[in-house]
Amino acid sequence: MLEIVALIYLTRSIGQLALHKGVKPGTWKLYTVLAWFAGEITGLMIGFAIFGVERPIMAVLVGIPCAVGGYHIVKATLERKPDVFTDDINQIGDNLVQ
């Protein structure tokens, strides 16, 4: 349950960042969810390989940080995109002319 709440919060923050970058937020929210689950599944497989099937809690404790890592990969990719700039140079001095 806490994972779902965390994922909702993280997808909202990715959506806001996507709007700031001028790209579709829905696409990046989908990427976030997919990266979260891909990271968690990868982490679970690593956890089961290390600790075995008889200790699933340990595998989950490996899976959660891998899921957060998937989120950070999506966020870093989105942050590298250029920002959307308005044409502020044409607005310089507008407040002086009445």
N, C-alpha and C. Protein backbone atom coordinates (compact mmCIF):
# COMPACT_ATOMS: atom_id res chain seq x y z
N MET A 1 0.81 -1.19 0.00
CA MET A 1 0.00 0.00 0.00
C MET A 1 0.85 1.25 0.00
N LEU A 2 1.92 1.26 0.79
CA LEU A 2 2.80 2.42 0.82
C LEU A 2 3.51 2.63 -0.50
N GLU A 3 3.77 1.53 -1.21
CA GLU A 3 4.39 1.65 -2.53
C GLU A 3 3.49 2.39 -3.49
N ILE A 4 2.21 2.13 -3.42
CA ILE A 4 1.26 2.79 -4.33
C ILE A 4 1.21 4.28 -4.02
N VAL A 5 1.19 4.64 -2.76
CA VAL A 5 1.18 6.05 -2.38
C VAL A 5 2.46 6.72 -2.85
N ALA A 6 3.59 6.06 -2.66
CA ALA A 6 4.87 6.61 -3.10
C ALA A 6 4.89 6.76 -4.62
N LEU A 7 4.37 5.79 -5.32
CA LEU A 7 4.37 5.84 -6.78
C LEU A 7 3.46 6.96 -7.29
N ILE A 8 2.34 7.19 -6.64
CA ILE A 8 1.46 8.30 -7.02
C ILE A 8 2.17 9.63 -6.82
N TYR A 9 2.82 9.79 -5.68
CA TYR A 9 3.55 11.03 -5.41
C TYR A 9 4.68 11.23 -6.43
N LEU A 10 5.42 10.18 -6.73
CA LEU A 10 6.54 10.30 -7.65
C LEU A 10 6.09 10.58 -9.08
N THR A 11 4.97 9.98 -9.50
CA THR A 11 4.48 10.26 -10.85
C THR A 11 3.98 11.70 -10.95
N ARG A 12 3.41 12.23 -9.88
CA ARG A 12 3.00 13.64 -9.90
C ARG A 12 4.21 14.56 -10.04
N SER A 13 5.28 14.26 -9.32
CA SER A 13 6.46 15.11 -9.41
C SER A 13 7.11 15.01 -10.79
N ILE A 14 7.08 13.82 -11.39
CA ILE A 14 7.60 13.66 -12.75
C ILE A 14 6.72 14.43 -13.73
N GLY A 15 5.42 14.41 -13.52
CA GLY A 15 4.51 15.16 -14.39
C GLY A 15 4.77 16.65 -14.34
N GLN A 16 5.02 17.19 -13.15
CA GLN A 16 5.33 18.61 -13.03
C GLN A 16 6.65 18.94 -13.70
N LEU A 17 7.63 18.08 -13.55
CA LEU A 17 8.92 18.29 -14.20
C LEU A 17 8.77 18.23 -15.72
N ALA A 18 7.94 17.32 -16.21
CA ALA A 18 7.71 17.20 -17.65
C ALA A 18 7.04 18.45 -18.19
N LEU A 19 6.09 19.00 -17.46
CA LEU A 19 5.46 20.25 -17.89
C LEU A 19 6.48 21.39 -17.95
N HIS A 20 7.38 21.42 -16.98
CA HIS A 20 8.43 22.44 -16.95
C HIS A 20 9.37 22.29 -18.15
N LYS A 21 9.57 21.06 -18.57
CA LYS A 21 10.45 20.79 -19.71
C LYS A 21 9.73 20.92 -21.05
N GLY A 22 8.41 21.00 -21.03
CA GLY A 22 7.65 21.18 -22.26
C GLY A 22 7.37 19.89 -23.01
N VAL A 23 7.33 18.76 -22.32
CA VAL A 23 7.00 17.47 -22.94
C VAL A 23 5.72 16.94 -22.32
N LYS A 24 5.16 15.91 -22.93
CA LYS A 24 3.89 15.35 -22.45
C LYS A 24 4.09 14.68 -21.08
N PRO A 25 3.36 15.12 -20.08
CA PRO A 25 3.53 14.52 -18.75
C PRO A 25 3.01 13.09 -18.66
N GLY A 26 1.97 12.76 -19.43
CA GLY A 26 1.41 11.41 -19.35
C GLY A 26 2.41 10.35 -19.80
N THR A 27 3.17 10.67 -20.83
CA THR A 27 4.18 9.73 -21.31
C THR A 27 5.24 9.48 -20.25
N TRP A 28 5.69 10.54 -19.60
CA TRP A 28 6.73 10.39 -18.59
C TRP A 28 6.21 9.75 -17.32
N LYS A 29 4.93 9.94 -17.02
CA LYS A 29 4.33 9.23 -15.88
C LYS A 29 4.30 7.73 -16.17
N LEU A 30 3.97 7.37 -17.40
CA LEU A 30 3.96 5.96 -17.79
C LEU A 30 5.37 5.38 -17.70
N TYR A 31 6.36 6.13 -18.18
CA TYR A 31 7.75 5.68 -18.07
C TYR A 31 8.14 5.46 -16.62
N THR A 32 7.66 6.32 -15.73
CA THR A 32 7.98 6.19 -14.31
C THR A 32 7.40 4.91 -13.73
N VAL A 33 6.15 4.64 -14.04
CA VAL A 33 5.51 3.42 -13.53
C VAL A 33 6.21 2.18 -14.08
N LEU A 34 6.51 2.19 -15.38
CA LEU A 34 7.18 1.03 -15.99
C LEU A 34 8.58 0.83 -15.42
N ALA A 35 9.31 1.93 -15.21
CA ALA A 35 10.65 1.82 -14.64
C ALA A 35 10.58 1.34 -13.19
N TRP A 36 9.56 1.76 -12.47
CA TRP A 36 9.39 1.31 -11.08
C TRP A 36 9.22 -0.21 -11.03
N PHE A 37 8.28 -0.71 -11.85
CA PHE A 37 8.02 -2.15 -11.81
C PHE A 37 9.18 -2.95 -12.39
N ALA A 38 9.84 -2.44 -13.42
CA ALA A 38 11.00 -3.13 -13.97
C ALA A 38 12.12 -3.20 -12.94
N GLY A 39 12.34 -2.10 -12.24
CA GLY A 39 13.37 -2.09 -11.19
C GLY A 39 13.02 -3.01 -10.05
N GLU A 40 11.75 -3.04 -9.68
CA GLU A 40 11.36 -3.91 -8.57
C GLU A 40 11.48 -5.39 -8.95
N ILE A 41 11.08 -5.74 -10.14
CA ILE A 41 11.19 -7.13 -10.58
C ILE A 41 12.65 -7.54 -10.68
N THR A 42 13.48 -6.65 -11.22
CA THR A 42 14.91 -6.94 -11.31
C THR A 42 15.50 -7.11 -9.91
N GLY A 43 15.14 -6.22 -9.00
CA GLY A 43 15.63 -6.33 -7.63
C GLY A 43 15.16 -7.59 -6.93
N LEU A 44 13.92 -8.00 -7.18
CA LEU A 44 13.42 -9.24 -6.59
C LEU A 44 14.20 -10.45 -7.11
N MET A 45 14.48 -10.44 -8.41
CA MET A 45 15.26 -11.57 -8.96
C MET A 45 16.67 -11.60 -8.36
N ILE A 46 17.27 -10.44 -8.20
CA ILE A 46 18.60 -10.38 -7.57
C ILE A 46 18.51 -10.83 -6.12
N GLY A 47 17.48 -10.36 -5.42
CA GLY A 47 17.30 -10.74 -4.01
C GLY A 47 17.08 -12.24 -3.84
N PHE A 48 16.26 -12.82 -4.72
CA PHE A 48 16.05 -14.28 -4.64
C PHE A 48 17.31 -15.04 -5.00
N ALA A 49 18.11 -14.50 -5.91
CA ALA A 49 19.36 -15.17 -6.27
C ALA A 49 20.36 -15.13 -5.11
N ILE A 50 20.36 -14.04 -4.38
CA ILE A 50 21.31 -13.90 -3.27
C ILE A 50 20.83 -14.64 -2.03
N PHE A 51 19.55 -14.43 -1.64
CA PHE A 51 19.07 -14.95 -0.37
C PHE A 51 18.26 -16.24 -0.48
N GLY A 52 17.86 -16.60 -1.68
CA GLY A 52 17.08 -17.82 -1.85
C GLY A 52 15.59 -17.56 -1.68
N VAL A 53 14.80 -18.54 -2.07
CA VAL A 53 13.35 -18.43 -2.03
C VAL A 53 12.82 -18.49 -0.61
N GLU A 54 13.56 -19.09 0.30
CA GLU A 54 13.08 -19.24 1.66
C GLU A 54 13.12 -17.93 2.46
N ARG A 55 13.72 -16.86 1.92
CA ARG A 55 13.77 -15.57 2.61
C ARG A 55 13.21 -14.47 1.70
N PRO A 56 11.89 -14.45 1.48
CA PRO A 56 11.32 -13.47 0.53
C PRO A 56 11.37 -12.03 1.04
N ILE A 57 11.39 -11.84 2.35
CA ILE A 57 11.44 -10.48 2.90
C ILE A 57 12.76 -9.81 2.50
N MET A 58 13.82 -10.56 2.51
CA MET A 58 15.12 -10.01 2.11
C MET A 58 15.11 -9.65 0.63
N ALA A 59 14.43 -10.46 -0.17
CA ALA A 59 14.34 -10.17 -1.60
C ALA A 59 13.55 -8.88 -1.84
N VAL A 60 12.49 -8.68 -1.06
CA VAL A 60 11.71 -7.45 -1.18
C VAL A 60 12.54 -6.25 -0.75
N LEU A 61 13.37 -6.42 0.27
CA LEU A 61 14.24 -5.33 0.72
C LEU A 61 15.31 -4.98 -0.31
N VAL A 62 15.58 -5.87 -1.23
CA VAL A 62 16.47 -5.55 -2.35
C VAL A 62 15.66 -4.94 -3.49
N GLY A 63 14.42 -5.38 -3.66
CA GLY A 63 13.58 -4.92 -4.77
C GLY A 63 13.16 -3.46 -4.66
N ILE A 64 12.86 -3.00 -3.45
CA ILE A 64 12.38 -1.62 -3.27
C ILE A 64 13.44 -0.59 -3.66
N PRO A 65 14.68 -0.71 -3.22
CA PRO A 65 15.68 0.27 -3.66
C PRO A 65 15.93 0.22 -5.17
N CYS A 66 15.80 -0.94 -5.76
CA CYS A 66 15.95 -1.03 -7.21
C CYS A 66 14.80 -0.32 -7.92
N ALA A 67 13.60 -0.37 -7.35
CA ALA A 67 12.46 0.34 -7.92
C ALA A 67 12.67 1.85 -7.82
N VAL A 68 13.18 2.32 -6.71
CA VAL A 68 13.49 3.74 -6.55
C VAL A 68 14.59 4.14 -7.53
N GLY A 69 15.51 3.24 -7.77
CA GLY A 69 16.55 3.50 -8.77
C GLY A 69 15.97 3.68 -10.16
N GLY A 70 14.94 2.90 -10.49
CA GLY A 70 14.27 3.07 -11.78
C GLY A 70 13.63 4.44 -11.90
N TYR A 71 13.04 4.92 -10.82
CA TYR A 71 12.47 6.27 -10.80
C TYR A 71 13.56 7.31 -11.04
N HIS A 72 14.69 7.15 -10.38
CA HIS A 72 15.77 8.13 -10.52
C HIS A 72 16.36 8.13 -11.93
N ILE A 73 16.36 6.99 -12.58
CA ILE A 73 16.83 6.94 -13.97
C ILE A 73 15.90 7.75 -14.87
N VAL A 74 14.60 7.59 -14.68
CA VAL A 74 13.63 8.36 -15.48
C VAL A 74 13.76 9.84 -15.17
N LYS A 75 13.90 10.19 -13.90
CA LYS A 75 14.03 11.60 -13.51
C LYS A 75 15.30 12.22 -14.09
N ALA A 76 16.41 11.51 -14.04
CA ALA A 76 17.66 12.03 -14.58
C ALA A 76 17.57 12.22 -16.10
N THR A 77 16.90 11.29 -16.77
CA THR A 77 16.72 11.41 -18.21
C THR A 77 15.88 12.64 -18.54
N LEU A 78 14.83 12.87 -17.78
CA LEU A 78 13.96 14.02 -18.02
C LEU A 78 14.66 15.33 -17.66
N GLU A 79 15.47 15.33 -16.63
CA GLU A 79 16.17 16.54 -16.24
C GLU A 79 17.21 16.97 -17.27
N ARG A 80 17.72 16.04 -18.07
CA ARG A 80 18.70 16.38 -19.10
C ARG A 80 18.07 17.06 -20.31
N LYS A 81 16.77 16.99 -20.43
CA LYS A 81 16.09 17.65 -21.54
C LYS A 81 16.11 19.16 -21.30
N PRO A 82 16.15 19.94 -22.39
CA PRO A 82 16.19 21.40 -22.21
C PRO A 82 14.86 21.95 -21.70
N ASP A 83 14.97 23.03 -20.94
CA ASP A 83 13.78 23.70 -20.42
C ASP A 83 13.08 24.46 -21.54
N VAL A 84 11.80 24.72 -21.33
CA VAL A 84 11.04 25.56 -22.25
C VAL A 84 11.23 27.00 -21.79
N PHE A 85 11.70 27.83 -22.68
CA PHE A 85 11.91 29.23 -22.35
C PHE A 85 10.88 30.09 -23.07
N THR A 86 10.37 31.06 -22.37
CA THR A 86 9.51 32.04 -23.03
C THR A 86 10.40 33.11 -23.64
N ASP A 87 9.85 33.87 -24.52
CA ASP A 87 10.63 34.90 -25.19
C ASP A 87 10.65 36.15 -24.31
N ASP A 88 11.41 36.10 -23.22
CA ASP A 88 11.45 37.19 -22.26
C ASP A 88 12.18 38.42 -22.80
N ILE A 89 13.02 38.28 -23.79
CA ILE A 89 13.79 39.41 -24.29
C ILE A 89 12.87 40.48 -24.88
N ASN A 90 11.72 40.06 -25.40
CA ASN A 90 10.78 41.03 -25.96
C ASN A 90 9.94 41.71 -24.89
N GLN A 91 10.00 41.23 -23.68
CA GLN A 91 9.19 41.80 -22.60
C GLN A 91 10.00 42.71 -21.68
N ILE A 92 11.27 42.87 -21.94
CA ILE A 92 12.10 43.72 -21.09
C ILE A 92 11.66 45.17 -21.24
N GLY A 93 11.39 45.81 -20.16
CA GLY A 93 11.02 47.23 -20.15
C GLY A 93 9.53 47.46 -20.38
N ASP A 94 8.72 46.41 -20.52
CA ASP A 94 7.28 46.59 -20.72
C ASP A 94 6.63 47.26 -19.53
N ASN A 95 7.14 47.04 -18.35
CA ASN A 95 6.53 47.65 -17.17
C ASN A 95 6.88 49.13 -17.07
N LEU A 96 7.86 49.62 -17.84
CA LEU A 96 8.22 51.02 -17.81
C LEU A 96 7.38 51.86 -18.77
N VAL A 97 6.90 51.24 -19.83
CA VAL A 97 6.12 51.96 -20.82
C VAL A 97 4.64 51.77 -20.47
N GLN A 98 3.95 52.88 -20.30
CA GLN A 98 2.54 52.80 -19.92
C GLN A 98 1.68 53.42 -20.97
